[in-house]
């Protein structure tokens, strides 16, 4: 997008959601780089699905660009500033794209929330029933907020 700030407010709001402690306490998501990425990528995927349904292509592209920029910056901060950085960021973007594909049918009521959460947040591992239930409920609430927000509100980072 021509202006770097496009998509920034929404991305920051989604990052704020992904940083909420309940994901890592009640939801028992591993409080690691991989666990935090799984939560963030899942939430960004849900927002992307929402934007595809009632936002603009520009808003979707802007959110994706902010995601790519953040992944690049975070990996550089971690000291992963080597020739394979581009390949690593492409893998992370691919992981986001797979989550978007996973969440489209779920949000349309054509697929199971429990299975999607297990695949998207827990990456196929078997969480406790309580942790899975917590994350399913939290993501359903997140989806409800995203779905209820106007495209303009989302662009301003107002997700609920």
Protein backbone atom coordinates (compact mmCIF):
# COMPACT_ATOMS: atom_id res chain seq x y z
CA UNK A 1 0.00 0.00 0.00
CA UNK A 2 1.26 3.51 -0.66
CA UNK A 3 1.10 4.61 2.98
CA UNK A 4 2.81 2.51 5.62
CA UNK A 5 0.20 3.38 8.23
CA UNK A 6 -2.57 1.66 6.23
CA UNK A 7 -3.50 -1.47 8.12
CA UNK A 8 -1.38 -0.46 11.09
CA UNK A 9 -4.21 0.36 13.50
CA UNK A 10 -5.98 -2.93 12.84
CA UNK A 11 -2.76 -4.92 13.06
CA UNK A 12 -1.89 -3.29 16.39
CA UNK A 13 -5.36 -4.08 17.74
CA UNK A 14 -4.96 -7.71 16.67
CA UNK A 15 -1.51 -7.89 18.25
CA UNK A 16 -3.04 -6.52 21.46
CA UNK A 17 -5.64 -9.28 21.38
CA UNK A 18 -2.97 -11.93 20.80
CA UNK A 19 -0.97 -10.66 23.78
CA UNK A 20 -3.80 -11.07 26.25
CA UNK A 21 -2.68 -13.43 29.03
CA UNK A 22 -5.77 -15.63 28.90
CA UNK A 23 -4.47 -17.38 25.76
CA UNK A 24 -1.42 -18.58 27.65
CA UNK A 25 -3.01 -19.15 31.06
CA UNK A 26 -6.54 -20.54 30.64
CA UNK A 27 -5.91 -21.47 27.00
CA UNK A 28 -2.63 -23.18 27.85
CA UNK A 29 -1.01 -22.06 24.60
CA UNK A 30 2.75 -22.36 24.96
CA UNK A 31 4.15 -18.93 25.89
CA UNK A 32 6.91 -19.24 23.31
CA UNK A 33 7.68 -17.57 20.02
CA UNK A 34 5.86 -20.38 18.21
CA UNK A 35 2.86 -20.29 20.54
CA UNK A 36 2.53 -16.53 20.30
CA UNK A 37 2.85 -16.71 16.52
CA UNK A 38 0.08 -19.33 16.37
CA UNK A 39 -2.31 -17.09 18.33
CA UNK A 40 -1.43 -13.97 16.34
CA UNK A 41 -1.63 -15.73 12.97
CA UNK A 42 -5.00 -17.23 13.92
CA UNK A 43 -6.43 -13.85 14.90
CA UNK A 44 -5.00 -12.14 11.81
CA UNK A 45 -6.48 -14.95 9.69
CA UNK A 46 -9.92 -14.35 11.20
CA UNK A 47 -9.60 -10.62 10.53
CA UNK A 48 -8.54 -11.36 6.96
CA UNK A 49 -11.59 -13.56 6.42
CA UNK A 50 -13.77 -10.77 7.82
CA UNK A 51 -12.19 -8.18 5.53
CA UNK A 52 -12.63 -10.44 2.52
CA UNK A 53 -16.35 -10.58 3.27
CA UNK A 54 -17.06 -6.95 3.87
CA UNK A 55 -14.00 -4.84 3.64
CA UNK A 56 -11.92 -3.79 0.73
CA UNK A 57 -9.16 -5.60 -1.10
CA UNK A 58 -6.95 -2.66 -0.12
CA UNK A 59 -7.66 -3.22 3.59
CA UNK A 60 -6.89 -6.92 3.26
CA UNK A 61 -3.64 -6.18 1.43
CA UNK A 62 -2.68 -3.53 4.01
CA UNK A 63 -3.21 -5.96 6.90
CA UNK A 64 -1.12 -8.60 5.15
CA UNK A 65 1.64 -6.08 4.48
CA UNK A 66 1.73 -5.06 8.13
CA UNK A 67 1.93 -8.75 9.10
CA UNK A 68 4.87 -9.29 6.73
CA UNK A 69 6.65 -6.18 8.02
CA UNK A 70 6.15 -7.25 11.63
CA UNK A 71 7.45 -10.77 11.00
CA UNK A 72 10.50 -9.39 9.22
CA UNK A 73 11.21 -6.87 12.00
CA UNK A 74 10.69 -9.40 14.80
CA UNK A 75 13.04 -11.90 13.23
CA UNK A 76 15.67 -9.24 12.68
CA UNK A 77 15.37 -8.29 16.38
CA UNK A 78 15.85 -11.92 17.33
CA UNK A 79 19.12 -11.84 15.45
CA UNK A 80 17.90 -13.94 12.57
CA UNK A 81 19.35 -11.47 10.07
CA UNK A 82 20.91 -13.84 7.62
CA UNK A 83 20.41 -14.69 3.96
CA UNK A 84 17.56 -17.07 4.83
CA UNK A 85 15.45 -14.35 6.47
CA UNK A 86 13.32 -13.89 3.36
CA UNK A 87 12.67 -17.63 3.21
CA UNK A 88 11.68 -17.66 6.89
CA UNK A 89 9.25 -14.76 6.45
CA UNK A 90 7.74 -16.45 3.38
CA UNK A 91 7.12 -19.56 5.50
CA UNK A 92 5.36 -17.44 8.13
CA UNK A 93 3.21 -15.77 5.48
CA UNK A 94 2.42 -19.22 4.10
CA UNK A 95 1.34 -20.29 7.60
CA UNK A 96 -0.99 -17.28 7.71
CA UNK A 97 -2.41 -18.15 4.28
CA UNK A 98 -3.09 -21.74 5.38
CA UNK A 99 -4.94 -20.41 8.42
CA UNK A 100 -7.06 -18.11 6.26
CA UNK A 101 -8.02 -21.13 4.15
CA UNK A 102 -8.80 -23.11 7.32
CA UNK A 103 -11.00 -20.39 8.86
CA UNK A 104 -13.12 -19.51 5.80
CA UNK A 105 -15.39 -22.59 6.03
CA UNK A 106 -15.42 -22.48 9.84
CA UNK A 107 -16.79 -18.94 9.91
CA UNK A 108 -19.38 -19.94 7.30
CA UNK A 109 -20.59 -22.77 9.53
CA UNK A 110 -19.30 -25.46 7.17
CA UNK A 111 -16.50 -26.75 9.39
CA UNK A 112 -15.84 -27.51 13.06
CA UNK A 113 -14.48 -24.85 15.44
CA UNK A 114 -12.78 -27.39 17.73
CA UNK A 115 -10.82 -28.97 14.88
CA UNK A 116 -9.87 -25.58 13.46
CA UNK A 117 -8.62 -24.32 16.82
CA UNK A 118 -6.63 -27.48 17.37
CA UNK A 119 -5.00 -27.11 13.93
CA UNK A 120 -4.53 -23.33 14.00
CA UNK A 121 -3.62 -22.58 17.60
CA UNK A 122 -2.27 -25.88 18.87
CA UNK A 123 -0.87 -26.97 15.49
CA UNK A 124 -2.34 -30.46 15.71
CA UNK A 125 -1.20 -31.28 19.24
CA UNK A 126 -3.76 -32.43 21.79
CA UNK A 127 -4.56 -29.66 24.28
CA UNK A 128 -6.53 -30.34 27.43
CA UNK A 129 -10.29 -30.20 26.96
CA UNK A 130 -10.45 -27.07 29.12
CA UNK A 131 -7.74 -25.30 27.11
CA UNK A 132 -9.38 -26.19 23.81
CA UNK A 133 -12.78 -25.08 25.08
CA UNK A 134 -11.34 -21.78 26.30
CA UNK A 135 -9.64 -21.02 22.99
CA UNK A 136 -12.71 -22.00 20.97
CA UNK A 137 -14.87 -19.67 23.04
CA UNK A 138 -12.32 -16.83 22.89
CA UNK A 139 -11.99 -17.14 19.11
CA UNK A 140 -15.76 -17.29 18.64
CA UNK A 141 -16.01 -14.05 20.65
CA UNK A 142 -13.21 -12.51 18.59
CA UNK A 143 -15.02 -13.52 15.38
CA UNK A 144 -18.29 -12.05 16.67
CA UNK A 145 -16.53 -8.73 17.36
CA UNK A 146 -14.86 -8.72 13.95
CA UNK A 147 -18.08 -9.62 12.20
CA UNK A 148 -20.00 -6.90 14.02
CA UNK A 149 -17.51 -4.14 13.23
CA UNK A 150 -17.85 -2.02 10.11
CA UNK A 151 -15.05 -1.89 7.58
CA UNK A 152 -14.25 1.66 8.66
CA UNK A 153 -14.11 0.66 12.33
CA UNK A 154 -11.75 -2.19 11.52
CA UNK A 155 -9.51 0.15 9.53
CA UNK A 156 -9.30 2.31 12.66
CA UNK A 157 -8.38 -0.72 14.78
CA UNK A 158 -11.76 -0.88 16.53
CA UNK A 159 -12.60 -4.55 16.76
CA UNK A 160 -15.20 -4.47 19.46
